[in-house]
Every structure is written in C-alpha cells, then in structure tokens.
C-alpha cells in the first residue's frame, strides 16, 4: 500500500504499544516480516519540554523504513510543535497520532481515546500536525468511547477531511479497554467510508487471523498488537498465510530463547543494562508462554538484574526445557 508519499511493502504492521515496541523489539519484528513499525506512544508535552528520557523513545533501529513515530496529546499547537521535534530527532517517515489509548492516565488529560468524545478537536489536531510537517500524518483510534457512542466511521471521515493519509482502527471501545471481543464490522464500515488506507487492529492472535481480518474488513493492512508478545514469528507466519503458503512452525525453543536474548542485548545498548533487564523480565515470560514446565524459570526471570542473569537463566531453559 501507499501512505501518502510512503510505500509500505507489506500488509503486516506492528502496532504501537507502550512499554513493548521499543527499537529493539521493533527490529526483531521487522526481521520476521513486520513491514511497518511504529514507536511507543510519546507525550507531546514531554517533547515540547525537551525531556531527555522521552527523546530516547524516538530512537530508531538501523534501516528502520518505513517507520512512524506516534505522539499523543490534545492541544493542537503543542501537537504540531511535538511533531516537528519528533520528525527532526528521529528522521521518521510518518507521524502517527494516538487517539485510541484507553488508559486512565492518558484519557484523564483529554488525550488518547478521550479525543473520540471530541471529534472536532481531533480534526483540529490533525490539521495542525499536517501543516507542521512535510511527511504523511496518520491516526489510530477505536470503535468509540463506549457502546453508546460507536462513532468510528464519522470520526474517520472527519480525520480524512482534516488531512490524514491513513488510519488504524482497533475494534474495541475505550470502555472495553482490552477485554471482550474486537468488532471487525466497524473496521469494515470505516474502510467503506474513507478513501485513505485502513489498518485493521484487534484480536489477531494467530497467523490465520490476519487473513480473516483482512477478508472480513477489506482493510489494506493488518496491525498486530498483543498477538506478537513473545512471538515475533507471527509476522513471518501471517505473511505465509496471506500468500497461501504453508505456515512455518515456530522455531525450536532454544532458537526462540536466543532471539529473546538478542532483543534484550539490543535494548541494553540503547537504554542501559539495568533498565533493559528490568523490562526483559516481562518480555521473557511472554517468550515462554505455553512452554510446559516453565514455571520454575519464570520465577527466575522475574528476579533477573543483569545480562549475565539473562544468560544464566537461558542456559538452564535450554538444558531443561527442550
């Protein structure tokens, strides 16, 4: 597909997720077939205040193209300034606007999914950002705020008129957060209502789901979120499914562990060993999801503090959990 002036070589995208899609994990997913990657959501206010920790979230892995930086906020002027700062600091191909985050600390400030209750403001934000940067601007949002206000179709039309080059739609309301089931019908309705490319997001847990969601919605791309936790190989498998080819099996456990370790080492190069290993505790448990008898090693994982701890635990897993 084509997002504005940017060619996207695959129908498979990695969804932006706070605390998950850092440069290290995006790199691993891209190597496995994610054709489009987006940063964690980044505060526009923090960028405008030039917060050093926030700037680290803008870092991209070598050769990350096409790539998007996602920012969130509710003040058009601040969002426009933040978009300029983010683009200059990252060299990203696309600026994405988060209008779907359901978490309280975001929506309580009027940001994220709260913008679905104020479509006119959302439109003004898009207009301001589009004017501020020379790259395509996209937006990610939800079915609606709650079941009484499922306004994603009208919302998408307002954003298209304001100048977005593509949209991503999560088939849940803000009230659902991540519970219940995603409604793919609303994504189809958005696709039928706008002319810009549409990414379908929600409940892509296995490679066949990518085929199903694209067939059901008619969307241009499938954006995979929680289904890739500890499983970047879902992109390679989904690509095979979309091509009508046999779905390759997961690599052996030892190879999956090596990939996890590489991810953590890449993260340590960017954010330091201490922070990277603390974050690795959660990721490594995801890599072991469904592995029989892995409980003992998960207890070890949540106590890791150094990369040597990571390697020690990995040696044990390879030895005992073949």
Protein backbone atom coordinates (compact mmCIF):
# COMPACT_ATOMS: atom_id res chain seq x y z
CA UNK A 1 0.00 0.00 0.00
CA UNK A 2 0.98 3.63 -0.12
CA UNK A 3 0.59 6.03 2.82
CA UNK A 4 0.81 9.47 1.32
CA UNK A 5 4.22 9.51 -0.33
CA UNK A 6 5.49 6.44 1.56
CA UNK A 7 5.44 2.94 0.11
CA UNK A 8 4.70 0.15 2.61
CA UNK A 9 5.98 -3.19 1.28
CA UNK A 10 3.76 -5.43 3.39
CA UNK A 11 0.20 -5.72 4.66
CA UNK A 12 1.53 -6.53 8.14
CA UNK A 13 2.21 -3.79 10.68
CA UNK A 14 3.42 -3.81 14.27
CA UNK A 15 1.02 -1.88 16.49
CA UNK A 16 2.46 0.82 18.77
CA UNK A 17 2.38 -0.36 22.39
CA UNK A 18 3.72 1.43 25.46
CA UNK A 19 6.49 -0.47 27.19
CA UNK A 20 6.68 -3.02 24.37
CA UNK A 21 7.56 -1.60 20.96
CA UNK A 22 10.95 -0.10 21.71
CA UNK A 23 13.57 -0.04 18.97
CA UNK A 24 14.93 -3.46 19.97
CA UNK A 25 11.60 -5.27 19.71
CA UNK A 26 10.64 -3.38 16.53
CA UNK A 27 13.89 -4.57 14.96
CA UNK A 28 13.18 -8.20 15.86
CA UNK A 29 9.64 -7.95 14.45
CA UNK A 30 10.83 -6.26 11.27
CA UNK A 31 13.33 -9.05 10.70
CA UNK A 32 10.44 -11.51 10.96
CA UNK A 33 8.28 -9.71 8.43
CA UNK A 34 6.62 -6.66 10.00
CA UNK A 35 6.62 -4.30 7.05
CA UNK A 36 5.63 -1.20 9.01
CA UNK A 37 6.65 -0.31 12.56
CA UNK A 38 5.53 2.39 14.97
CA UNK A 39 7.18 3.64 18.16
CA UNK A 40 5.65 3.53 21.61
CA UNK A 41 3.25 6.41 22.21
CA UNK A 42 5.20 9.55 23.10
CA UNK A 43 3.91 12.55 25.04
CA UNK A 44 3.70 15.74 23.01
CA UNK A 45 4.06 17.78 26.20
CA UNK A 46 7.24 15.96 27.15
CA UNK A 47 8.69 16.59 23.70
CA UNK A 48 7.81 20.27 23.88
CA UNK A 49 9.52 20.43 27.29
CA UNK A 50 12.55 18.65 25.76
CA UNK A 51 12.50 15.82 28.28
CA UNK A 52 15.64 13.72 27.70
CA UNK A 53 14.05 10.41 28.70
CA UNK A 54 11.22 10.98 26.25
CA UNK A 55 13.64 11.73 23.43
CA UNK A 56 15.14 8.27 23.87
CA UNK A 57 11.80 6.79 22.75
CA UNK A 58 12.31 8.38 19.34
CA UNK A 59 15.39 6.31 18.59
CA UNK A 60 15.07 4.04 15.58
CA UNK A 61 16.96 0.89 14.72
CA UNK A 62 19.35 0.97 11.74
CA UNK A 63 17.46 0.89 8.46
CA UNK A 64 14.01 1.26 10.03
CA UNK A 65 11.94 2.22 6.99
CA UNK A 66 9.12 2.78 6.61
CA UNK A 67 8.76 3.84 10.22
CA UNK A 68 6.37 6.01 12.18
CA UNK A 69 6.65 7.98 15.40
CA UNK A 70 3.45 8.06 17.44
CA UNK A 71 2.67 11.10 19.57
CA UNK A 72 -0.28 11.81 21.84
CA UNK A 73 -1.85 14.94 23.25
CA UNK A 74 -4.91 17.14 22.94
CA UNK A 75 -3.55 20.63 22.30
CA UNK A 76 -3.25 21.32 18.56
CA UNK A 77 -0.38 23.81 18.90
CA UNK A 78 1.61 21.53 21.20
CA UNK A 79 0.98 18.54 18.96
CA UNK A 80 2.19 20.47 15.92
CA UNK A 81 5.38 21.52 17.72
CA UNK A 82 5.92 18.00 19.05
CA UNK A 83 5.51 16.54 15.56
CA UNK A 84 8.22 18.85 14.24
CA UNK A 85 10.54 17.94 17.12
CA UNK A 86 9.87 14.22 16.72
CA UNK A 87 10.49 14.30 12.99
CA UNK A 88 13.73 16.25 13.32
CA UNK A 89 15.04 13.98 16.09
CA UNK A 90 14.06 10.66 14.52
CA UNK A 91 14.00 11.06 10.75
CA UNK A 92 10.77 9.04 10.70
CA UNK A 93 8.80 8.59 7.51
CA UNK A 94 5.40 9.17 9.11
CA UNK A 95 3.91 10.93 12.13
CA UNK A 96 1.12 8.93 13.78
CA UNK A 97 -1.35 10.41 16.26
CA UNK A 98 -2.65 8.30 19.13
CA UNK A 99 -6.39 8.73 19.56
CA UNK A 100 -7.06 5.29 20.99
CA UNK A 101 -5.09 4.73 24.18
CA UNK A 102 -7.66 3.72 26.85
CA UNK A 103 -5.50 4.08 29.96
CA UNK A 104 -6.68 6.42 32.69
CA UNK A 105 -3.50 8.46 32.99
CA UNK A 106 -3.86 9.32 29.29
CA UNK A 107 -7.60 9.83 28.84
CA UNK A 108 -7.94 11.76 32.11
CA UNK A 109 -5.93 14.53 30.47
CA UNK A 110 -8.18 14.53 27.42
CA UNK A 111 -5.65 12.61 25.34
CA UNK A 112 -5.75 9.26 23.56
CA UNK A 113 -9.22 7.72 23.30
CA UNK A 114 -10.74 10.75 25.06
CA UNK A 115 -10.49 12.55 21.71
CA UNK A 116 -13.20 10.26 20.36
CA UNK A 117 -15.61 12.26 22.53
CA UNK A 118 -14.45 15.45 20.81
CA UNK A 119 -14.12 14.73 17.08
CA UNK A 120 -13.88 18.40 16.19
CA UNK A 121 -10.81 18.83 18.39
CA UNK A 122 -9.35 15.67 16.89
CA UNK A 123 -9.80 17.19 13.46
CA UNK A 124 -8.08 20.41 14.52
CA UNK A 125 -5.15 18.41 15.88
CA UNK A 126 -4.75 16.59 12.59
CA UNK A 127 -4.95 19.83 10.62
CA UNK A 128 -2.28 21.43 12.83
CA UNK A 129 0.09 18.49 12.56
CA UNK A 130 -0.41 18.12 8.80
CA UNK A 131 0.50 21.79 8.36
CA UNK A 132 3.54 21.43 10.63
CA UNK A 133 5.37 18.50 8.99
CA UNK A 134 6.25 17.55 5.40
CA UNK A 135 5.63 13.81 5.93
CA UNK A 136 2.32 11.90 5.92
CA UNK A 137 0.24 12.03 9.09
CA UNK A 138 -1.85 9.08 10.26
CA UNK A 139 -4.07 8.34 13.27
CA UNK A 140 -5.01 5.32 15.34
CA UNK A 141 -8.33 5.20 17.18
CA UNK A 142 -11.02 2.85 18.47
CA UNK A 143 -14.57 1.81 17.74
CA UNK A 144 -15.74 4.58 20.05
CA UNK A 145 -15.71 5.72 23.66
CA UNK A 146 -18.32 3.19 24.79
CA UNK A 147 -21.14 1.12 23.30
CA UNK A 148 -23.40 4.17 23.41
CA UNK A 149 -21.06 6.20 21.21
CA UNK A 150 -19.56 4.00 18.49
CA UNK A 151 -18.60 6.87 16.23
CA UNK A 152 -15.53 5.48 14.47
CA UNK A 153 -17.00 5.96 10.96
CA UNK A 154 -17.81 9.64 11.43
CA UNK A 155 -14.54 10.09 13.31
CA UNK A 156 -12.56 8.61 10.42
CA UNK A 157 -14.33 10.87 7.92
CA UNK A 158 -13.51 13.96 9.97
CA UNK A 159 -9.85 12.94 10.15
CA UNK A 160 -9.74 12.25 6.42
CA UNK A 161 -11.14 15.71 5.71
CA UNK A 162 -8.51 17.13 8.07
CA UNK A 163 -5.73 15.53 6.05
CA UNK A 164 -4.71 12.13 7.42
CA UNK A 165 -3.04 9.80 4.94
CA UNK A 166 -4.15 6.57 6.65
CA UNK A 167 -5.99 5.35 9.75
CA UNK A 168 -5.73 2.34 12.04
CA UNK A 169 -8.88 1.16 13.79
CA UNK A 170 -8.98 -1.00 16.92
CA UNK A 171 -12.31 -2.80 17.03
CA UNK A 172 -12.92 -2.20 20.75
CA UNK A 173 -14.38 0.78 22.58
CA UNK A 174 -12.44 2.64 25.22
CA UNK A 175 -14.76 1.18 27.87
CA UNK A 176 -13.72 -2.33 26.83
CA UNK A 177 -10.03 -1.46 27.19
CA UNK A 178 -8.60 -4.83 26.05
CA UNK A 179 -11.41 -7.07 27.25
CA UNK A 180 -14.22 -8.73 25.36
CA UNK A 181 -14.05 -9.23 21.63
CA UNK A 182 -12.99 -6.81 18.93
CA UNK A 183 -15.73 -5.87 16.47
CA UNK A 184 -14.35 -6.20 12.96
CA UNK A 185 -17.62 -4.99 11.40
CA UNK A 186 -16.89 -1.43 12.47
CA UNK A 187 -13.50 -1.59 10.76
CA UNK A 188 -15.21 -2.68 7.55
CA UNK A 189 -17.59 0.25 7.85
CA UNK A 190 -14.66 2.65 8.22
CA UNK A 191 -12.98 1.13 5.17
CA UNK A 192 -16.14 1.63 3.14
CA UNK A 193 -16.47 5.24 4.31
CA UNK A 194 -12.99 6.63 3.60
CA UNK A 195 -10.59 6.59 0.68
CA UNK A 196 -7.31 6.52 2.64
CA UNK A 197 -5.67 3.20 3.58
CA UNK A 198 -7.06 1.47 6.68
CA UNK A 199 -5.24 -0.83 9.11
CA UNK A 200 -7.39 -3.35 10.94
CA UNK A 201 -6.42 -3.97 14.57
CA UNK A 202 -7.78 -6.24 17.28
CA UNK A 203 -7.77 -9.98 18.07
CA UNK A 204 -5.04 -11.08 15.67
CA UNK A 205 -3.75 -13.92 17.83
CA UNK A 206 -2.58 -16.40 15.21
CA UNK A 207 -1.46 -16.12 11.58
CA UNK A 208 -4.83 -17.20 10.20
CA UNK A 209 -6.44 -14.27 11.99
CA UNK A 210 -4.54 -11.85 9.76
CA UNK A 211 -6.15 -13.47 6.73
CA UNK A 212 -9.57 -13.43 8.36
CA UNK A 213 -9.47 -9.80 9.46
CA UNK A 214 -8.40 -8.57 6.02
CA UNK A 215 -11.01 -10.68 4.28
CA UNK A 216 -13.75 -9.59 6.70
CA UNK A 217 -12.95 -5.88 6.76
CA UNK A 218 -11.49 -5.27 3.31
CA UNK A 219 -8.77 -3.29 5.10
CA UNK A 220 -5.44 -2.58 3.44
CA UNK A 221 -3.31 -3.91 6.27
CA UNK A 222 -3.42 -5.94 9.46
CA UNK A 223 -1.89 -4.30 12.53
CA UNK A 224 -0.77 -6.88 15.09
CA UNK A 225 -0.61 -5.93 18.76
CA UNK A 226 -0.71 -8.27 21.73
CA UNK A 227 -0.58 -11.32 19.47
CA UNK A 228 3.14 -10.71 18.93
CA UNK A 229 4.07 -10.60 22.63
CA UNK A 230 6.96 -13.05 22.88
CA UNK A 231 6.13 -14.20 19.36
CA UNK A 232 7.65 -12.02 16.64
CA UNK A 233 7.41 -15.07 14.34
CA UNK A 234 3.68 -14.38 13.93
CA UNK A 235 4.63 -11.88 11.21
CA UNK A 236 6.51 -14.50 9.20
CA UNK A 237 3.69 -16.97 9.71
CA UNK A 238 1.00 -14.43 8.79
CA UNK A 239 2.89 -13.47 5.63
CA UNK A 240 2.87 -17.12 4.58
CA UNK A 241 -0.85 -17.42 5.35
CA UNK A 242 -1.62 -14.31 3.29
CA UNK A 243 0.40 -15.73 0.40
CA UNK A 244 -1.48 -19.02 0.57
CA UNK A 245 1.67 -20.88 1.54
CA UNK A 246 2.17 -23.43 4.35
CA UNK A 247 2.56 -21.71 7.70
CA UNK A 248 6.07 -22.34 9.05
CA UNK A 249 6.25 -23.74 12.59
CA UNK A 250 7.70 -21.80 15.47
CA UNK A 251 11.48 -22.25 15.76
CA UNK A 252 12.74 -24.65 18.43
CA UNK A 253 12.69 -23.29 21.98
CA UNK A 254 16.47 -22.81 22.04
CA UNK A 255 16.29 -20.57 18.98
CA UNK A 256 13.40 -18.61 20.46
CA UNK A 257 15.45 -18.04 23.60
CA UNK A 258 18.41 -16.84 21.53
CA UNK A 259 16.11 -14.32 19.83
CA UNK A 260 14.88 -13.12 23.22
CA UNK A 261 18.44 -12.68 24.48
CA UNK A 262 19.37 -10.75 21.34
CA UNK A 263 16.40 -8.47 21.87
CA UNK A 264 17.50 -7.75 25.43
CA UNK A 265 21.10 -7.11 24.38
CA UNK A 266 19.92 -4.66 21.71
CA UNK A 267 17.77 -2.91 24.30
CA UNK A 268 20.72 -2.69 26.69
CA UNK A 269 22.77 -0.91 24.03
CA UNK A 270 20.08 1.75 23.82
CA UNK A 271 18.78 2.21 27.36
CA UNK A 272 21.42 0.63 29.56
CA UNK A 273 21.68 -2.82 31.11
CA UNK A 274 19.68 -2.15 34.27
CA UNK A 275 16.57 -0.76 32.57
CA UNK A 276 16.74 -3.25 29.70
CA UNK A 277 16.88 -6.25 32.04
CA UNK A 278 14.06 -4.99 34.22
CA UNK A 279 11.90 -4.68 31.11
CA UNK A 280 13.17 -8.06 29.87
CA UNK A 281 11.54 -9.79 32.84
CA UNK A 282 8.11 -9.30 31.30
CA UNK A 283 9.19 -9.98 27.74
CA UNK A 284 10.99 -13.21 28.59
CA UNK A 285 7.92 -14.56 30.37
CA UNK A 286 5.97 -13.88 27.20
CA UNK A 287 8.53 -15.84 25.18
CA UNK A 288 7.90 -18.82 27.49
CA UNK A 289 4.11 -18.64 27.34
CA UNK A 290 2.71 -22.12 26.75
CA UNK A 291 6.05 -23.86 27.30
CA UNK A 292 5.44 -26.87 29.59
CA UNK A 293 7.12 -26.81 32.99
CA UNK A 294 8.43 -23.26 32.54
CA UNK A 295 7.08 -22.00 35.86
CA UNK A 296 10.39 -22.50 37.70
CA UNK A 297 12.26 -20.43 35.14
CA UNK A 298 9.64 -17.70 35.12
CA UNK A 299 10.31 -17.35 38.85
CA UNK A 300 13.98 -16.96 37.99
CA UNK A 301 13.23 -14.48 35.22
CA UNK A 302 11.37 -12.03 37.45
CA UNK A 303 14.48 -11.80 39.63
CA UNK A 304 16.95 -11.03 36.82
CA UNK A 305 19.02 -7.87 37.21
CA UNK A 306 21.92 -8.25 34.76
CA UNK A 307 22.57 -9.62 31.30
CA UNK A 308 24.61 -12.35 32.98
CA UNK A 309 21.44 -13.32 34.83
CA UNK A 310 19.67 -13.46 31.46
CA UNK A 311 22.34 -15.76 30.04
CA UNK A 312 22.34 -17.96 33.15
CA UNK A 313 18.58 -18.44 33.04
CA UNK A 314 18.73 -19.09 29.31
CA UNK A 315 21.32 -21.82 29.75
CA UNK A 316 19.01 -23.51 32.24
CA UNK A 317 15.99 -23.25 29.95
CA UNK A 318 17.91 -24.76 27.04
CA UNK A 319 19.15 -27.56 29.26
CA UNK A 320 15.87 -28.45 30.99
CA UNK A 321 13.03 -27.41 28.69
CA UNK A 322 13.92 -28.92 25.34
